[in-house]
Amino acid sequence: MDTSENKRNISQNSGIRGAEFTLVVCMLIVLTALVFAILIIPMQWSTGAGTTSLSEILKFRAEILTVIITAFSAWIGAGAAYFFGRENMREATQAMLDMRQLPPREKLRQISLKELPPRPITWKVNTEDFLITVYDKLKTDVSWWFIVITKKDGSLETVVHEEAIWRFIDSLALDGKKPDEELKKITVQALLDYLKEEKNKDLATKVKDIYIRVTYDYTLGAVNDLMLDKKLFLSIITDESNKPVSYISSDDVRREFLKMS
C-alpha cells in the first residue's frame, strides 16, 4: 500500500471518528436542553375538575424526565461505548504493533551500506607492484588477512588470501631459490600466474577470489545473504569505475547483528 493510500485511509478514519464524537456531544446537548425546558417552562392548565395542582405538575414533569433520560441514556451510552471502545481498541492494537519488533535478520535488510559505513580499504596493490612490498606489509601489519589486487587503471582485479603469498614463497624455496631475493624481482602478476597453474587449481579455489563485489546501493542484509550463499567472509565495495573503496567482513555483519539482538 503506497503512502497516498495510507494518508487517504487515515483521513477517512479520522473523519469517521470525528462524526461519532460529534453525534455523542449533540445528543448530550439535546438532552440537557430538554431537561432544562421541562424544569423551567411553566406548566399549568385547567381541566374540568379545576386547575392542576403543583404536585400533579411535578409528578408529570418527573414522568417526562424519566422517559427522556431513560431513552437518551441508552442512546448516549451506546454511542459513547462504541466511540471510546473503538478508540481503546485502536490504541491497544497500535501499542501491540509498536511492541512487536522485527527479527535482527530483517532489520539488517533495512540498513543501507551508506548508513553503516563500511571500513575503507587503506592498502591495495597493483599487478605491477613487486611482491616484496606485499611480503613486508603482511609481516608488519598482521591485521591484513587479504590482499586487494587492482589492474593498471585501478579497477579491481581480484582479492586473494594472505595464505597465497606464503604458499608462493614456499614454492620458491622448494625450487632452490632465495625468496628474499626473488620477491624483489617479481611482481604481483607472478603470484596470479602461479595460482593459474594446473597443479595449483585446488589451492586457487581456496585463496583466490575470496570476495563478493557490491556497491553502496546494497543493504547489509543483502550482503550477508550473498556471503552466506557463497560461503565467503568478505565483501568489496566498488565505485562506478569498479575501483575498490571499502570493505565489509562477516565480523562487521555479526557485530551489527549483536547490536540488534
C-alpha atoms as a PDB file:
ATOM      1  CA  MET A   1       0.000   0.000   0.000  1.00  0.00           C
ATOM      2  CA  ASP A   2       1.508   3.315  -1.041  1.00  0.00           C
ATOM      3  CA  THR A   3       1.853   6.464   1.052  1.00  0.00           C
ATOM      4  CA  SER A   4      -1.020   8.333  -0.617  1.00  0.00           C
ATOM      5  CA  GLU A   5      -3.435   5.478   0.063  1.00  0.00           C
ATOM      6  CA  ASN A   6      -2.324   5.321   3.695  1.00  0.00           C
ATOM      7  CA  LYS A   7      -2.915   9.041   4.081  1.00  0.00           C
ATOM      8  CA  ARG A   8      -6.348   8.708   2.488  1.00  0.00           C
ATOM      9  CA  ASN A   9      -7.328   5.885   4.849  1.00  0.00           C
ATOM     10  CA  ILE A  10      -6.087   7.827   7.875  1.00  0.00           C
ATOM     11  CA  SER A  11      -8.078  10.856   6.754  1.00  0.00           C
ATOM     12  CA  GLN A  12     -11.239   8.765   6.297  1.00  0.00           C
ATOM     13  CA  ASN A  13     -10.861   7.108   9.697  1.00  0.00           C
ATOM     14  CA  SER A  14     -10.303  10.473  11.354  1.00  0.00           C
ATOM     15  CA  GLY A  15     -13.476  11.805   9.698  1.00  0.00           C
ATOM     16  CA  ILE A  16     -15.491   8.817  10.922  1.00  0.00           C
ATOM     17  CA  ARG A  17     -14.214   9.156  14.485  1.00  0.00           C
ATOM     18  CA  GLY A  18     -14.989  12.898  14.406  1.00  0.00           C
ATOM     19  CA  ALA A  19     -18.568  12.263  13.263  1.00  0.00           C
ATOM     20  CA  GLU A  20     -19.135   9.683  16.024  1.00  0.00           C
ATOM     21  CA  PHE A  21     -17.847  12.023  18.706  1.00  0.00           C
ATOM     22  CA  THR A  22     -19.932  14.920  17.350  1.00  0.00           C
ATOM     23  CA  LEU A  23     -23.083  12.763  17.460  1.00  0.00           C
ATOM     24  CA  VAL A  24     -22.490  11.885  21.122  1.00  0.00           C
ATOM     25  CA  VAL A  25     -21.940  15.568  22.009  1.00  0.00           C
ATOM     26  CA  CYS A  26     -25.068  16.638  20.111  1.00  0.00           C
ATOM     27  CA  MET A  27     -27.178  14.066  21.959  1.00  0.00           C
ATOM     28  CA  LEU A  28     -25.854  15.342  25.276  1.00  0.00           C
ATOM     29  CA  ILE A  29     -26.687  18.921  24.307  1.00  0.00           C
ATOM     30  CA  VAL A  30     -30.213  17.951  23.226  1.00  0.00           C
ATOM     31  CA  LEU A  31     -30.761  16.011  26.465  1.00  0.00           C
ATOM     32  CA  THR A  32     -29.567  18.955  28.557  1.00  0.00           C
ATOM     33  CA  ALA A  33     -31.834  21.363  26.650  1.00  0.00           C
ATOM     34  CA  LEU A  34     -34.898  19.115  27.142  1.00  0.00           C
ATOM     35  CA  VAL A  35     -34.222  18.720  30.866  1.00  0.00           C
ATOM     36  CA  PHE A  36     -33.936  22.468  31.355  1.00  0.00           C
ATOM     37  CA  ALA A  37     -37.047  23.054  29.251  1.00  0.00           C
ATOM     38  CA  ILE A  38     -39.113  20.642  31.335  1.00  0.00           C
ATOM     39  CA  LEU A  39     -37.863  22.081  34.626  1.00  0.00           C
ATOM     40  CA  ILE A  40     -38.083  25.785  33.733  1.00  0.00           C
ATOM     41  CA  ILE A  41     -41.053  26.246  31.367  1.00  0.00           C
ATOM     42  CA  PRO A  42     -44.218  26.862  33.412  1.00  0.00           C
ATOM     43  CA  MET A  43     -46.832  24.130  33.186  1.00  0.00           C
ATOM     44  CA  GLN A  44     -50.329  24.991  34.237  1.00  0.00           C
ATOM     45  CA  TRP A  45     -53.597  24.148  32.616  1.00  0.00           C
ATOM     46  CA  SER A  46     -57.231  23.846  33.579  1.00  0.00           C
ATOM     47  CA  THR A  47     -59.352  20.774  33.463  1.00  0.00           C
ATOM     48  CA  GLY A  48     -62.989  20.158  34.170  1.00  0.00           C
ATOM     49  CA  ALA A  49     -62.099  19.473  37.804  1.00  0.00           C
ATOM     50  CA  GLY A  50     -60.249  22.762  38.100  1.00  0.00           C
ATOM     51  CA  THR A  51     -56.669  23.953  37.956  1.00  0.00           C
ATOM     52  CA  THR A  52     -53.923  21.320  38.100  1.00  0.00           C
ATOM     53  CA  SER A  53     -52.154  21.198  41.458  1.00  0.00           C
ATOM     54  CA  LEU A  54     -48.416  21.670  41.954  1.00  0.00           C
ATOM     55  CA  SER A  55     -47.906  18.053  42.997  1.00  0.00           C
ATOM     56  CA  GLU A  56     -49.535  16.832  39.814  1.00  0.00           C
ATOM     57  CA  ILE A  57     -47.361  19.131  37.717  1.00  0.00           C
ATOM     58  CA  LEU A  58     -44.206  17.909  39.447  1.00  0.00           C
ATOM     59  CA  LYS A  59     -45.318  14.307  39.025  1.00  0.00           C
ATOM     60  CA  PHE A  60     -45.976  14.907  35.341  1.00  0.00           C
ATOM     61  CA  ARG A  61     -42.557  16.537  34.913  1.00  0.00           C
ATOM     62  CA  ALA A  62     -40.872  13.646  36.712  1.00  0.00           C
ATOM     63  CA  GLU A  63     -42.527  11.133  34.422  1.00  0.00           C
ATOM     64  CA  ILE A  64     -41.447  13.061  31.326  1.00  0.00           C
ATOM     65  CA  LEU A  65     -37.892  13.378  32.640  1.00  0.00           C
ATOM     66  CA  THR A  66     -37.803   9.678  33.411  1.00  0.00           C
ATOM     67  CA  VAL A  67     -38.828   8.771  29.880  1.00  0.00           C
ATOM     68  CA  ILE A  68     -36.439  11.247  28.255  1.00  0.00           C
ATOM     69  CA  ILE A  69     -33.455  10.410  30.460  1.00  0.00           C
ATOM     70  CA  THR A  70     -34.034   6.665  30.040  1.00  0.00           C
ATOM     71  CA  ALA A  71     -34.183   6.937  26.264  1.00  0.00           C
ATOM     72  CA  PHE A  72     -31.263   9.323  25.892  1.00  0.00           C
ATOM     73  CA  SER A  73     -29.151   7.430  28.415  1.00  0.00           C
ATOM     74  CA  ALA A  74     -29.433   4.294  26.325  1.00  0.00           C
ATOM     75  CA  TRP A  75     -28.618   6.155  23.133  1.00  0.00           C
ATOM     76  CA  ILE A  76     -25.755   8.188  24.588  1.00  0.00           C
ATOM     77  CA  GLY A  77     -24.380   5.166  26.461  1.00  0.00           C
ATOM     78  CA  ALA A  78     -24.356   3.069  23.307  1.00  0.00           C
ATOM     79  CA  GLY A  79     -22.735   5.847  21.299  1.00  0.00           C
ATOM     80  CA  ALA A  80     -20.111   6.571  23.942  1.00  0.00           C
ATOM     81  CA  ALA A  81     -19.341   2.880  24.401  1.00  0.00           C
ATOM     82  CA  TYR A  82     -18.930   2.450  20.661  1.00  0.00           C
ATOM     83  CA  PHE A  83     -16.724   5.518  20.301  1.00  0.00           C
ATOM     84  CA  PHE A  84     -14.470   5.015  23.308  1.00  0.00           C
ATOM     85  CA  GLY A  85     -14.377   1.240  22.838  1.00  0.00           C
ATOM     86  CA  ARG A  86     -13.186   1.720  19.297  1.00  0.00           C
ATOM     87  CA  GLU A  87     -10.596   4.245  20.420  1.00  0.00           C
ATOM     88  CA  ASN A  88      -9.307   1.917  23.134  1.00  0.00           C
ATOM     89  CA  MET A  89      -9.116  -0.965  20.682  1.00  0.00           C
ATOM     90  CA  ARG A  90      -7.220   1.194  18.213  1.00  0.00           C
ATOM     91  CA  GLU A  91      -4.751   2.341  20.872  1.00  0.00           C
ATOM     92  CA  ALA A  92      -4.261  -1.210  22.151  1.00  0.00           C
ATOM     93  CA  THR A  93      -3.670  -2.517  18.643  1.00  0.00           C
ATOM     94  CA  GLN A  94      -1.181   0.252  17.903  1.00  0.00           C
ATOM     95  CA  ALA A  95       0.643  -0.454  21.163  1.00  0.00           C
ATOM     96  CA  MET A  96       0.917  -4.139  20.276  1.00  0.00           C
ATOM     97  CA  LEU A  97       2.278  -3.271  16.843  1.00  0.00           C
ATOM     98  CA  ASP A  98       4.802  -0.895  18.381  1.00  0.00           C
ATOM     99  CA  MET A  99       5.919  -3.574  20.822  1.00  0.00           C
ATOM    100  CA  ARG A 100       6.409  -6.130  18.074  1.00  0.00           C
ATOM    101  CA  GLN A 101       9.987  -5.928  16.839  1.00  0.00           C
ATOM    102  CA  LEU A 102      11.392  -7.234  13.616  1.00  0.00           C
ATOM    103  CA  PRO A 103      13.947 -10.036  13.942  1.00  0.00           C
ATOM    104  CA  PRO A 104      17.582  -8.913  13.568  1.00  0.00           C
ATOM    105  CA  ARG A 105      17.924 -10.526  10.118  1.00  0.00           C
ATOM    106  CA  GLU A 106      15.026  -8.419   8.832  1.00  0.00           C
ATOM    107  CA  LYS A 107      16.482  -5.292  10.401  1.00  0.00           C
ATOM    108  CA  LEU A 108      19.727  -5.928   8.530  1.00  0.00           C
ATOM    109  CA  ARG A 109      17.758  -5.734   5.282  1.00  0.00           C
ATOM    110  CA  GLN A 110      16.725  -2.188   6.161  1.00  0.00           C
ATOM    111  CA  ILE A 111      20.254  -0.889   6.729  1.00  0.00           C
ATOM    112  CA  SER A 112      21.954   0.585   3.671  1.00  0.00           C
ATOM    113  CA  LEU A 113      25.721   0.290   3.357  1.00  0.00           C
ATOM    114  CA  LYS A 114      25.797   4.085   3.210  1.00  0.00           C
ATOM    115  CA  GLU A 115      24.455   4.191   6.776  1.00  0.00           C
ATOM    116  CA  LEU A 116      26.992   1.781   8.249  1.00  0.00           C
ATOM    117  CA  PRO A 117      29.542   2.916   6.936  1.00  0.00           C
ATOM    118  CA  PRO A 118      31.975   0.206   5.735  1.00  0.00           C
ATOM    119  CA  ARG A 119      35.683   0.276   6.534  1.00  0.00           C
ATOM    120  CA  PRO A 120      37.894   1.988   3.913  1.00  0.00           C
ATOM    121  CA  ILE A 121      40.487  -0.002   2.030  1.00  0.00           C
ATOM    122  CA  THR A 122      43.721   1.665   3.085  1.00  0.00           C
ATOM    123  CA  TRP A 123      46.014  -0.827   1.375  1.00  0.00           C
ATOM    124  CA  LYS A 124      45.848  -2.350  -2.083  1.00  0.00           C
ATOM    125  CA  VAL A 125      48.461  -3.436  -4.618  1.00  0.00           C
ATOM    126  CA  ASN A 126      48.748  -3.288  -8.364  1.00  0.00           C
ATOM    127  CA  THR A 127      49.590  -6.261 -10.571  1.00  0.00           C
ATOM    128  CA  GLU A 128      52.850  -4.495 -11.439  1.00  0.00           C
ATOM    129  CA  ASP A 129      53.937  -3.926  -7.826  1.00  0.00           C
ATOM    130  CA  PHE A 130      56.810  -6.022  -6.574  1.00  0.00           C
ATOM    131  CA  LEU A 131      55.908  -8.870  -4.259  1.00  0.00           C
ATOM    132  CA  ILE A 132      58.445  -7.740  -1.673  1.00  0.00           C
ATOM    133  CA  THR A 133      56.102  -4.855  -0.762  1.00  0.00           C
ATOM    134  CA  VAL A 134      53.288  -7.335  -0.112  1.00  0.00           C
ATOM    135  CA  TYR A 135      55.560  -9.546   1.939  1.00  0.00           C
ATOM    136  CA  ASP A 136      56.783  -6.638   4.085  1.00  0.00           C
ATOM    137  CA  LYS A 137      53.236  -5.374   4.655  1.00  0.00           C
ATOM    138  CA  LEU A 138      51.965  -8.751   5.820  1.00  0.00           C
ATOM    139  CA  LYS A 139      54.893  -9.099   8.215  1.00  0.00           C
ATOM    140  CA  THR A 140      54.432  -5.666   9.804  1.00  0.00           C
ATOM    141  CA  ASP A 141      50.618  -5.490   9.832  1.00  0.00           C
ATOM    142  CA  VAL A 142      49.097  -8.808  10.855  1.00  0.00           C
ATOM    143  CA  SER A 143      45.557  -7.415  10.721  1.00  0.00           C
ATOM    144  CA  TRP A 144      45.502  -7.744   6.918  1.00  0.00           C
ATOM    145  CA  TRP A 145      44.468 -11.278   6.080  1.00  0.00           C
ATOM    146  CA  PHE A 146      43.512 -10.470   2.477  1.00  0.00           C
ATOM    147  CA  ILE A 147      45.214  -8.691  -0.424  1.00  0.00           C
ATOM    148  CA  VAL A 148      43.236  -6.428  -2.751  1.00  0.00           C
ATOM    149  CA  ILE A 149      44.819  -6.541  -6.209  1.00  0.00           C
ATOM    150  CA  THR A 150      43.969  -3.950  -8.853  1.00  0.00           C
ATOM    151  CA  LYS A 151      44.670  -3.583 -12.553  1.00  0.00           C
ATOM    152  CA  LYS A 152      46.762  -0.833 -14.126  1.00  0.00           C
ATOM    153  CA  ASP A 153      43.749   1.509 -14.294  1.00  0.00           C
ATOM    154  CA  GLY A 154      42.944   0.958 -10.605  1.00  0.00           C
ATOM    155  CA  SER A 155      39.906  -1.242 -11.183  1.00  0.00           C
ATOM    156  CA  LEU A 156      39.512  -4.399  -9.145  1.00  0.00           C
ATOM    157  CA  GLU A 157      41.357  -7.469 -10.423  1.00  0.00           C
ATOM    158  CA  THR A 158      40.811  -9.907  -7.574  1.00  0.00           C
ATOM    159  CA  VAL A 159      41.272 -10.451  -3.850  1.00  0.00           C
ATOM    160  CA  VAL A 160      43.491 -13.214  -2.521  1.00  0.00           C
ATOM    161  CA  HIS A 161      44.004 -14.631   0.945  1.00  0.00           C
ATOM    162  CA  GLU A 162      47.350 -13.994   2.640  1.00  0.00           C
ATOM    163  CA  GLU A 163      47.906 -17.762   2.530  1.00  0.00           C
ATOM    164  CA  ALA A 164      48.575 -17.370  -1.188  1.00  0.00           C
ATOM    165  CA  ILE A 165      51.738 -15.358  -0.620  1.00  0.00           C
ATOM    166  CA  TRP A 166      53.081 -17.814   1.953  1.00  0.00           C
ATOM    167  CA  ARG A 167      52.422 -20.770  -0.348  1.00  0.00           C
ATOM    168  CA  PHE A 168      54.141 -18.933  -3.190  1.00  0.00           C
ATOM    169  CA  ILE A 169      57.185 -18.230  -1.019  1.00  0.00           C
ATOM    170  CA  ASP A 170      57.337 -21.922  -0.040  1.00  0.00           C
ATOM    171  CA  SER A 171      57.279 -22.888  -3.722  1.00  0.00           C
ATOM    172  CA  LEU A 172      60.238 -20.583  -4.389  1.00  0.00           C
ATOM    173  CA  ALA A 173      62.189 -22.218  -1.581  1.00  0.00           C
ATOM    174  CA  LEU A 174      61.362 -25.686  -2.861  1.00  0.00           C
ATOM    175  CA  ASP A 175      62.731 -24.711  -6.280  1.00  0.00           C
ATOM    176  CA  GLY A 176      66.039 -23.843  -4.635  1.00  0.00           C
ATOM    177  CA  LYS A 177      65.576 -20.085  -4.948  1.00  0.00           C
ATOM    178  CA  LYS A 178      66.083 -17.462  -2.268  1.00  0.00           C
ATOM    179  CA  PRO A 179      62.654 -15.928  -1.575  1.00  0.00           C
ATOM    180  CA  ASP A 180      64.029 -12.632  -0.241  1.00  0.00           C
ATOM    181  CA  GLU A 181      65.898 -12.017  -3.457  1.00  0.00           C
ATOM    182  CA  GLU A 182      63.213 -13.348  -5.798  1.00  0.00           C
ATOM    183  CA  LEU A 183      60.442 -11.259  -4.267  1.00  0.00           C
ATOM    184  CA  LYS A 184      62.394  -8.110  -5.128  1.00  0.00           C
ATOM    185  CA  LYS A 185      62.469  -9.066  -8.796  1.00  0.00           C
ATOM    186  CA  ILE A 186      58.963 -10.446  -9.475  1.00  0.00           C
ATOM    187  CA  THR A 187      55.614  -8.667  -9.407  1.00  0.00           C
ATOM    188  CA  VAL A 188      52.167  -9.476  -8.086  1.00  0.00           C
ATOM    189  CA  GLN A 189      51.278 -10.774 -11.544  1.00  0.00           C
ATOM    190  CA  ALA A 190      53.699 -13.673 -10.945  1.00  0.00           C
ATOM    191  CA  LEU A 191      51.617 -14.663  -7.926  1.00  0.00           C
ATOM    192  CA  LEU A 192      48.430 -14.697 -10.033  1.00  0.00           C
ATOM    193  CA  ASP A 193      50.181 -16.725 -12.727  1.00  0.00           C
ATOM    194  CA  TYR A 194      51.287 -19.190 -10.069  1.00  0.00           C
ATOM    195  CA  LEU A 195      47.680 -19.659  -8.946  1.00  0.00           C
ATOM    196  CA  LYS A 196      46.603 -20.257 -12.542  1.00  0.00           C
ATOM    197  CA  GLU A 197      48.911 -23.232 -12.978  1.00  0.00           C
ATOM    198  CA  GLU A 198      47.153 -26.554 -13.294  1.00  0.00           C
ATOM    199  CA  LYS A 199      48.866 -28.055 -10.256  1.00  0.00           C
ATOM    200  CA  ASN A 200      47.582 -25.173  -8.089  1.00  0.00           C
ATOM    201  CA  LYS A 201      43.911 -25.246  -9.130  1.00  0.00           C
ATOM    202  CA  ASP A 202      42.752 -26.601  -5.785  1.00  0.00           C
ATOM    203  CA  LEU A 203      44.779 -24.002  -3.922  1.00  0.00           C
ATOM    204  CA  ALA A 204      43.423 -21.202  -6.102  1.00  0.00           C
ATOM    205  CA  THR A 205      39.820 -22.085  -5.267  1.00  0.00           C
ATOM    206  CA  LYS A 206      40.601 -21.518  -1.570  1.00  0.00           C
ATOM    207  CA  VAL A 207      42.838 -18.441  -1.655  1.00  0.00           C
ATOM    208  CA  LYS A 208      41.795 -16.548  -4.817  1.00  0.00           C
ATOM    209  CA  ASP A 209      38.566 -14.593  -5.486  1.00  0.00           C
ATOM    210  CA  ILE A 210      37.649 -14.749  -1.810  1.00  0.00           C
ATOM    211  CA  TYR A 211      35.151 -11.894  -2.051  1.00  0.00           C
ATOM    212  CA  ILE A 212      31.854 -10.712  -3.436  1.00  0.00           C
ATOM    213  CA  ARG A 213      31.647  -7.369  -5.214  1.00  0.00           C
ATOM    214  CA  VAL A 214      28.894  -4.973  -4.106  1.00  0.00           C
ATOM    215  CA  THR A 215      28.074  -1.278  -4.249  1.00  0.00           C
ATOM    216  CA  TYR A 216      26.723   1.222  -1.743  1.00  0.00           C
ATOM    217  CA  ASP A 217      23.209   0.557  -3.067  1.00  0.00           C
ATOM    218  CA  TYR A 218      23.182  -2.824  -1.319  1.00  0.00           C
ATOM    219  CA  THR A 219      21.722  -3.369   2.133  1.00  0.00           C
ATOM    220  CA  LEU A 220      23.612  -5.071   4.913  1.00  0.00           C
ATOM    221  CA  GLY A 221      21.097  -7.924   4.847  1.00  0.00           C
ATOM    222  CA  ALA A 222      21.640  -8.496   1.120  1.00  0.00           C
ATOM    223  CA  VAL A 223      25.416  -8.536   1.597  1.00  0.00           C
ATOM    224  CA  ASN A 224      25.067 -11.016   4.440  1.00  0.00           C
ATOM    225  CA  ASP A 225      22.863 -13.293   2.334  1.00  0.00           C
ATOM    226  CA  LEU A 226      25.358 -13.243  -0.552  1.00  0.00           C
ATOM    227  CA  MET A 227      28.288 -14.087   1.700  1.00  0.00           C
ATOM    228  CA  LEU A 228      26.373 -16.930   3.328  1.00  0.00           C
ATOM    229  CA  ASP A 229      25.261 -18.257  -0.059  1.00  0.00           C
ATOM    230  CA  LYS A 230      28.797 -18.287  -1.473  1.00  0.00           C
ATOM    231  CA  LYS A 231      30.426 -19.241   1.839  1.00  0.00           C
ATOM    232  CA  LEU A 232      32.679 -16.183   1.777  1.00  0.00           C
ATOM    233  CA  PHE A 233      33.678 -13.785   4.538  1.00  0.00           C
ATOM    234  CA  LEU A 234      34.492 -10.608   2.642  1.00  0.00           C
ATOM    235  CA  SER A 235      32.604  -8.058   0.549  1.00  0.00           C
ATOM    236  CA  ILE A 236      34.451  -5.453  -1.507  1.00  0.00           C
ATOM    237  CA  ILE A 237      32.561  -2.246  -2.275  1.00  0.00           C
ATOM    238  CA  THR A 238      33.454  -0.633  -5.587  1.00  0.00           C
ATOM    239  CA  ASP A 239      32.533   2.671  -7.201  1.00  0.00           C
ATOM    240  CA  GLU A 240      31.119   3.283 -10.672  1.00  0.00           C
ATOM    241  CA  SER A 241      34.550   2.570 -12.225  1.00  0.00           C
ATOM    242  CA  ASN A 242      34.869  -0.774 -10.437  1.00  0.00           C
ATOM    243  CA  LYS A 243      37.584   0.641  -8.199  1.00  0.00           C
ATOM    244  CA  PRO A 244      37.659  -0.812  -4.661  1.00  0.00           C
ATOM    245  CA  VAL A 245      36.926   1.798  -1.992  1.00  0.00           C
ATOM    246  CA  SER A 246      35.863  -0.063   1.151  1.00  0.00           C
ATOM    247  CA  TYR A 247      35.011  -3.477   2.525  1.00  0.00           C
ATOM    248  CA  ILE A 248      32.758  -5.376   4.933  1.00  0.00           C
ATOM    249  CA  SER A 249      33.651  -8.641   6.579  1.00  0.00           C
ATOM    250  CA  SER A 250      31.435 -11.218   8.213  1.00  0.00           C
ATOM    251  CA  ASP A 251      32.676  -9.882  11.563  1.00  0.00           C
ATOM    252  CA  ASP A 252      31.167  -6.486  10.761  1.00  0.00           C
ATOM    253  CA  VAL A 253      27.816  -8.092   9.978  1.00  0.00           C
ATOM    254  CA  ARG A 254      27.966 -10.171  13.152  1.00  0.00           C
ATOM    255  CA  ARG A 255      28.726  -7.050  15.179  1.00  0.00           C
ATOM    256  CA  GLU A 256      25.666  -5.230  13.807  1.00  0.00           C
ATOM    257  CA  PHE A 257      23.575  -8.362  14.321  1.00  0.00           C
ATOM    258  CA  LEU A 258      24.501  -8.478  18.019  1.00  0.00           C
ATOM    259  CA  LYS A 259      23.597  -4.803  18.455  1.00  0.00           C
ATOM    260  CA  MET A 260      20.043  -5.553  17.290  1.00  0.00           C
ATOM    261  CA  SER A 261      19.545  -8.762  19.288  1.00  0.00           C
END
